[in-house]
Amino acid sequence: MENLSSSQIIADQVKEKHTEWVTLKNEIKKVIVGQDHVIERIFIGLLCNGHVLLEGVPGLAKTLLIKTIAQALGLHFQRIQFTPDLLPADLIGTLVYNPKTQEFQTKKGPVFANLILADEVNRAPAKVQSALLEAMQEHQVTIGPTTYHLDEPFFVLATQNPIDQEGTYRLPEAQVDRFLFKLIISYPKMAEEKEMISKAFEPKEVFKIIDKENILDAQKLINQIYIDDKVIEYILNIVFASRNPQEHNLDDIRQYIEYGASPRATLAITNAAKAHAFLKKRHFVIPDDVKAITPDVLRHRIILTYEAEAENVTSEAIIQKILRIIPSP
């Protein structure tokens, strides 16, 4: 009886909080046309305290999207343009000597914000990537001898151009694995682009819908959403199929996978499935939640062999094959 009542309490909380996020989406849609999938995945990133990597050509309103979300959340927003000459100090800050006091003072960098847009992240050198990695993973940065904790919530939305473009570099696997999702953003449909033209001449004011406390409360609620053991087993089977395809009747994709998904992927799918259930107004996870978010979680975590690249086999195709073969509970 006690379990039933606690389950009902969580269900009621989900319904109440869900309304806030629907209102938030409607506020963002005043400015942003289309991109429903991307908006929902950014919401899941916020709810899971994760980060999102966005790949797409320039001019697809990536900056406008994250800026609008920051306004609707009332959060401190910073855009950092990543370039080949960027230094770690340009990102996290540095010690500056003050001749009057004859002491070094800390000058904090743009990473000290709630929402960071790391624009064209794959144009920066490895040292800058390492500095960003500490901020993403530990929610802290080190300037000189002192470590500073970043304000919560801390969310990085990184954009990258397709890897075959000139002047871009592959991100280290260790860093890519820190992103909850990798999303591919495509061109808008003709009807959406037509709507963009009309909205461009109608400047809309974006109002604050949710504040920091609402986000942190929602993050705690996500942890309480119920997930059955059978669904957990389903997630484990998907992840293990990416590591040992031959043990899951997937011999035909074995030669295309260099490395399967890491244990971090298992946790990412579990948490993201809970957040997806929340956005669908449910206090429990179903297999469809897992299927919906798995491609975005695994897209950047399955490392392909040279043979796969030679035969134009994508991680997307491998994930879809795994989802088709692994039985759903």
Protein backbone atom coordinates (compact mmCIF):
# COMPACT_ATOMS: atom_id res chain seq x y z
CA MET A 1 0.00 0.00 0.00
CA GLU A 2 2.92 2.30 0.86
CA ASN A 3 4.56 1.59 -2.54
CA LEU A 4 1.29 2.35 -4.28
CA SER A 5 0.97 5.71 -2.54
CA SER A 6 4.61 6.69 -3.26
CA SER A 7 4.10 5.70 -6.90
CA GLN A 8 0.99 7.86 -7.01
CA ILE A 9 2.89 10.80 -5.49
CA ILE A 10 5.56 10.52 -8.20
CA ALA A 11 2.86 10.23 -10.88
CA ASP A 12 1.23 13.42 -9.62
CA GLN A 13 4.57 15.23 -9.51
CA VAL A 14 5.32 14.14 -13.09
CA LYS A 15 1.97 15.55 -14.29
CA GLU A 16 2.59 18.82 -12.47
CA LYS A 17 6.18 19.27 -13.68
CA HIS A 18 5.34 18.07 -17.20
CA THR A 19 3.03 21.07 -17.67
CA GLU A 20 5.94 23.45 -16.98
CA TRP A 21 8.08 21.85 -19.73
CA VAL A 22 5.20 21.93 -22.24
CA THR A 23 4.83 25.66 -21.53
CA LEU A 24 8.61 26.04 -21.93
CA LYS A 25 8.53 24.36 -25.34
CA ASN A 26 5.64 26.58 -26.49
CA GLU A 27 7.60 29.67 -25.45
CA ILE A 28 10.65 28.51 -27.44
CA LYS A 29 8.46 27.74 -30.47
CA LYS A 30 7.52 31.43 -30.60
CA VAL A 31 10.97 31.99 -32.08
CA ILE A 32 12.17 28.59 -33.33
CA VAL A 33 10.50 26.93 -36.31
CA GLY A 34 10.53 23.10 -36.45
CA GLN A 35 13.44 21.26 -34.78
CA ASP A 36 11.05 19.52 -32.34
CA HIS A 37 13.37 16.51 -32.05
CA VAL A 38 16.39 18.69 -31.21
CA ILE A 39 14.44 20.77 -28.64
CA GLU A 40 13.19 17.60 -26.91
CA ARG A 41 16.69 16.10 -26.81
CA ILE A 42 18.13 19.32 -25.34
CA PHE A 43 15.40 19.15 -22.67
CA ILE A 44 16.44 15.55 -21.92
CA GLY A 45 20.08 16.70 -21.68
CA LEU A 46 19.06 19.31 -19.09
CA LEU A 47 16.90 16.83 -17.18
CA CYS A 48 19.71 14.26 -17.09
CA ASN A 49 22.41 16.80 -16.23
CA GLY A 50 24.15 15.80 -19.47
CA HIS A 51 25.61 17.55 -22.51
CA VAL A 52 24.63 17.51 -26.18
CA LEU A 53 26.76 17.45 -29.35
CA LEU A 54 25.06 18.88 -32.42
CA GLU A 55 26.39 18.24 -35.93
CA GLY A 56 25.23 20.26 -38.90
CA VAL A 57 26.28 22.80 -41.50
CA PRO A 58 26.37 26.51 -40.55
CA GLY A 59 23.19 28.60 -40.72
CA LEU A 60 20.69 26.19 -39.17
CA ALA A 61 19.84 28.43 -36.16
CA LYS A 62 21.82 26.40 -33.62
CA THR A 63 22.96 29.57 -31.81
CA LEU A 64 19.48 31.10 -31.88
CA LEU A 65 18.00 27.87 -30.48
CA ILE A 66 20.26 27.64 -27.41
CA LYS A 67 20.03 31.41 -26.81
CA THR A 68 16.22 31.20 -26.86
CA ILE A 69 16.26 28.22 -24.47
CA ALA A 70 18.57 30.14 -22.10
CA GLN A 71 16.18 33.12 -22.11
CA ALA A 72 13.14 30.91 -21.42
CA LEU A 73 15.05 29.28 -18.53
CA GLY A 74 16.42 32.55 -17.15
CA LEU A 75 19.93 31.08 -17.15
CA HIS A 76 23.31 32.74 -17.71
CA PHE A 77 24.31 32.01 -21.32
CA GLN A 78 27.73 32.21 -22.97
CA ARG A 79 28.71 31.53 -26.57
CA ILE A 80 32.33 30.51 -27.13
CA GLN A 81 33.66 30.44 -30.68
CA PHE A 82 36.23 27.65 -30.94
CA THR A 83 39.13 28.45 -33.28
CA PRO A 84 42.55 26.85 -33.93
CA ASP A 85 44.31 29.63 -31.95
CA LEU A 86 42.04 29.36 -28.86
CA LEU A 87 43.91 28.77 -25.58
CA PRO A 88 42.66 27.03 -22.40
CA ALA A 89 42.92 30.39 -20.58
CA ASP A 90 40.50 31.91 -23.13
CA LEU A 91 37.99 29.29 -22.04
CA ILE A 92 38.39 28.85 -18.28
CA GLY A 93 40.19 32.05 -17.28
CA THR A 94 43.63 32.88 -15.97
CA LEU A 95 45.63 34.63 -13.23
CA VAL A 96 46.26 38.32 -13.92
CA TYR A 97 48.93 40.30 -12.07
CA ASN A 98 47.71 43.47 -10.39
CA PRO A 99 50.64 45.93 -10.00
CA LYS A 100 48.76 47.99 -7.39
CA THR A 101 48.26 45.12 -4.95
CA GLN A 102 51.28 43.20 -6.28
CA GLU A 103 49.14 40.05 -6.28
CA PHE A 104 47.69 37.74 -8.87
CA GLN A 105 43.93 37.98 -9.29
CA THR A 106 41.68 35.37 -10.88
CA LYS A 107 39.98 36.43 -14.07
CA LYS A 108 37.23 33.89 -14.76
CA GLY A 109 36.56 32.82 -18.34
CA PRO A 110 33.29 32.41 -20.26
CA VAL A 111 32.90 28.80 -19.08
CA PHE A 112 31.50 30.24 -15.82
CA ALA A 113 27.89 30.20 -17.01
CA ASN A 114 24.88 27.84 -16.88
CA LEU A 115 24.45 27.25 -20.60
CA ILE A 116 27.52 27.14 -22.82
CA LEU A 117 27.35 27.09 -26.60
CA ALA A 118 30.70 25.67 -27.73
CA ASP A 119 30.50 26.70 -31.37
CA GLU A 120 32.47 24.62 -33.91
CA VAL A 121 34.08 22.68 -31.07
CA ASN A 122 36.06 20.45 -33.46
CA ARG A 123 38.17 23.40 -34.69
CA ALA A 124 40.04 23.85 -31.38
CA PRO A 125 43.34 22.17 -30.38
CA ALA A 126 43.67 19.27 -27.93
CA LYS A 127 44.64 21.46 -24.92
CA VAL A 128 41.38 23.38 -25.16
CA GLN A 129 39.42 20.13 -25.48
CA SER A 130 41.06 18.87 -22.27
CA ALA A 131 40.09 22.06 -20.41
CA LEU A 132 36.50 21.71 -21.60
CA LEU A 133 36.54 18.02 -20.63
CA GLU A 134 37.18 18.78 -16.94
CA ALA A 135 34.35 21.33 -16.92
CA MET A 136 31.92 18.86 -18.57
CA GLN A 137 32.78 15.84 -16.45
CA GLU A 138 33.59 17.33 -13.04
CA HIS A 139 31.56 20.59 -13.26
CA GLN A 140 34.70 22.35 -12.08
CA VAL A 141 37.77 24.10 -13.53
CA THR A 142 41.27 24.67 -12.23
CA ILE A 143 42.89 28.11 -12.54
CA GLY A 144 46.43 28.17 -11.13
CA PRO A 145 46.41 26.37 -7.77
CA THR A 146 42.66 26.83 -7.16
CA THR A 147 39.74 24.67 -8.25
CA TYR A 148 36.41 26.43 -8.83
CA HIS A 149 33.04 24.68 -8.90
CA LEU A 150 30.73 25.75 -11.70
CA ASP A 151 27.21 26.94 -11.01
CA GLU A 152 24.43 24.35 -11.37
CA PRO A 153 22.83 23.52 -13.69
CA PHE A 154 25.81 23.42 -16.08
CA PHE A 155 24.98 22.40 -19.63
CA VAL A 156 27.22 22.34 -22.72
CA LEU A 157 25.70 22.35 -26.18
CA ALA A 158 28.60 21.86 -28.58
CA THR A 159 28.24 22.22 -32.33
CA GLN A 160 30.55 20.73 -34.90
CA ASN A 161 30.76 20.88 -38.66
CA PRO A 162 30.77 17.60 -40.60
CA ILE A 163 34.20 16.03 -40.21
CA ASP A 164 35.07 16.16 -43.92
CA GLN A 165 35.07 19.97 -43.90
CA GLU A 166 38.45 21.69 -44.10
CA GLY A 167 40.05 22.75 -40.81
CA THR A 168 38.17 20.34 -38.58
CA TYR A 169 39.58 17.63 -36.31
CA ARG A 170 38.14 14.50 -34.81
CA LEU A 171 37.25 14.99 -31.15
CA PRO A 172 39.00 12.55 -28.76
CA GLU A 173 36.87 9.48 -28.00
CA ALA A 174 37.14 10.26 -24.26
CA GLN A 175 35.52 13.63 -24.82
CA VAL A 176 32.87 12.46 -27.28
CA ASP A 177 31.80 9.82 -24.74
CA ARG A 178 31.00 12.62 -22.25
CA PHE A 179 28.17 13.84 -24.45
CA LEU A 180 24.81 12.32 -23.59
CA PHE A 181 23.58 12.72 -27.18
CA LYS A 182 24.98 13.37 -30.60
CA LEU A 183 22.29 14.90 -32.79
CA ILE A 184 22.35 15.38 -36.55
CA ILE A 185 20.57 18.58 -37.51
CA SER A 186 19.27 18.75 -41.08
CA TYR A 187 17.85 21.44 -43.32
CA PRO A 188 14.27 22.55 -42.57
CA LYS A 189 11.35 21.52 -44.75
CA MET A 190 10.04 24.03 -47.29
CA ALA A 191 6.93 24.85 -45.21
CA GLU A 192 9.12 25.43 -42.14
CA GLU A 193 11.50 27.68 -44.05
CA LYS A 194 8.54 29.68 -45.36
CA GLU A 195 7.34 30.13 -41.77
CA MET A 196 10.86 31.26 -40.81
CA ILE A 197 10.64 34.12 -43.31
CA SER A 198 7.47 35.49 -41.72
CA LYS A 199 8.81 35.04 -38.15
CA ALA A 200 12.05 36.83 -39.03
CA PHE A 201 10.14 40.12 -39.39
CA GLU A 202 8.10 39.63 -36.22
CA PRO A 203 10.54 39.90 -33.28
CA LYS A 204 9.12 38.02 -30.30
CA GLU A 205 10.02 38.59 -26.67
CA VAL A 206 10.88 35.34 -24.88
CA PHE A 207 9.68 35.20 -21.28
CA LYS A 208 11.25 33.22 -18.43
CA ILE A 209 9.17 30.07 -17.83
CA ILE A 210 11.35 27.87 -15.61
CA ASP A 211 14.14 28.86 -13.22
CA LYS A 212 17.17 27.04 -11.80
CA GLU A 213 15.25 25.54 -8.88
CA ASN A 214 12.61 24.09 -11.24
CA ILE A 215 15.32 22.42 -13.32
CA LEU A 216 17.11 20.96 -10.27
CA ASP A 217 13.78 19.70 -8.86
CA ALA A 218 12.94 18.08 -12.20
CA GLN A 219 16.38 16.40 -12.27
CA LYS A 220 15.66 14.85 -8.86
CA LEU A 221 12.23 13.70 -10.06
CA ILE A 222 13.76 11.98 -13.10
CA ASN A 223 15.83 9.77 -10.75
CA GLN A 224 12.62 8.54 -9.10
CA ILE A 225 10.89 7.46 -12.32
CA TYR A 226 10.31 3.70 -12.27
CA ILE A 227 12.15 1.37 -14.65
CA ASP A 228 11.37 -2.35 -14.61
CA ASP A 229 14.09 -5.02 -14.47
CA LYS A 230 12.97 -6.33 -17.89
CA VAL A 231 13.53 -2.90 -19.44
CA ILE A 232 16.97 -2.68 -17.75
CA GLU A 233 17.81 -6.11 -19.20
CA TYR A 234 16.67 -4.85 -22.63
CA ILE A 235 19.06 -1.86 -22.34
CA LEU A 236 21.92 -4.17 -21.31
CA ASN A 237 21.24 -6.48 -24.27
CA ILE A 238 21.40 -3.52 -26.68
CA VAL A 239 24.70 -2.26 -25.27
CA PHE A 240 26.28 -5.73 -25.06
CA ALA A 241 25.16 -6.46 -28.64
CA SER A 242 27.32 -3.51 -29.74
CA ARG A 243 30.33 -5.11 -28.00
CA ASN A 244 29.75 -8.79 -28.83
CA PRO A 245 27.44 -8.93 -31.88
CA GLN A 246 28.13 -12.63 -32.48
CA GLU A 247 26.51 -13.52 -29.14
CA HIS A 248 23.26 -11.79 -30.16
CA ASN A 249 22.69 -13.24 -33.67
CA LEU A 250 24.42 -10.24 -35.27
CA ASP A 251 27.40 -11.94 -36.94
CA ASP A 252 26.97 -9.86 -40.10
CA ILE A 253 27.91 -6.57 -38.35
CA ARG A 254 30.80 -7.93 -36.29
CA GLN A 255 33.49 -6.86 -38.79
CA TYR A 256 32.22 -3.28 -38.82
CA ILE A 257 32.57 -2.55 -35.07
CA GLU A 258 35.99 -1.66 -33.66
CA TYR A 259 34.70 -0.81 -30.17
CA GLY A 260 31.21 -1.13 -28.76
CA ALA A 261 29.42 1.24 -26.41
CA SER A 262 30.97 1.91 -22.98
CA PRO A 263 29.27 1.39 -19.58
CA ARG A 264 28.63 5.14 -19.64
CA ALA A 265 26.28 4.43 -22.57
CA THR A 266 24.24 2.02 -20.40
CA LEU A 267 23.74 4.72 -17.78
CA ALA A 268 23.01 7.31 -20.46
CA ILE A 269 20.27 5.20 -22.08
CA THR A 270 18.72 4.47 -18.68
CA ASN A 271 18.64 8.11 -17.56
CA ALA A 272 17.59 9.45 -20.95
CA ALA A 273 14.76 6.87 -21.16
CA LYS A 274 13.49 8.11 -17.78
CA ALA A 275 13.58 11.73 -18.98
CA HIS A 276 11.85 10.72 -22.22
CA ALA A 277 9.09 9.03 -20.20
CA PHE A 278 8.73 12.23 -18.15
CA LEU A 279 8.33 14.35 -21.30
CA LYS A 280 5.63 11.88 -22.42
CA LYS A 281 3.86 12.48 -19.07
CA ARG A 282 4.63 9.03 -17.62
CA HIS A 283 6.16 8.07 -14.27
CA PHE A 284 7.52 4.77 -15.63
CA VAL A 285 9.74 3.71 -18.55
CA ILE A 286 8.50 1.56 -21.42
CA PRO A 287 10.61 -0.12 -24.18
CA ASP A 288 9.52 2.57 -26.67
CA ASP A 289 11.35 5.17 -24.57
CA VAL A 290 14.53 3.12 -24.92
CA LYS A 291 14.06 2.69 -28.68
CA ALA A 292 13.43 6.43 -29.12
CA ILE A 293 16.62 7.67 -27.47
CA THR A 294 19.08 4.81 -28.21
CA PRO A 295 20.23 6.08 -31.66
CA ASP A 296 21.10 9.51 -30.23
CA VAL A 297 22.98 7.93 -27.29
CA LEU A 298 24.95 5.34 -29.30
CA ARG A 299 25.58 7.28 -32.55
CA HIS A 300 28.93 8.63 -31.31
CA ARG A 301 29.84 5.77 -28.99
CA ILE A 302 30.12 2.91 -31.49
CA ILE A 303 33.58 3.17 -33.11
CA LEU A 304 33.63 1.75 -36.63
CA THR A 305 36.39 -0.22 -38.35
CA TYR A 306 38.15 0.87 -41.55
CA GLU A 307 36.14 -1.81 -43.33
CA ALA A 308 32.90 -0.12 -42.29
CA GLU A 309 34.13 3.25 -43.58
CA ALA A 310 35.28 1.66 -46.84
CA GLU A 311 31.86 0.09 -47.37
CA ASN A 312 29.97 3.24 -46.22
CA VAL A 313 28.41 1.41 -43.28
CA THR A 314 27.28 3.99 -40.71
CA SER A 315 26.84 3.65 -36.95
CA GLU A 316 23.21 4.62 -37.60
CA ALA A 317 22.67 1.49 -39.71
CA ILE A 318 24.34 -0.71 -37.08
CA ILE A 319 22.16 0.71 -34.29
CA GLN A 320 18.97 0.17 -36.29
CA LYS A 321 20.03 -3.45 -36.98
CA ILE A 322 20.65 -4.03 -33.26
CA LEU A 323 17.24 -2.56 -32.37
CA ARG A 324 15.54 -4.79 -34.95
CA ILE A 325 17.22 -8.00 -33.75
CA ILE A 326 17.25 -7.56 -29.94
CA PRO A 327 13.79 -8.65 -28.70
CA SER A 328 11.79 -6.00 -26.87
CA PRO A 329 10.18 -6.97 -23.53
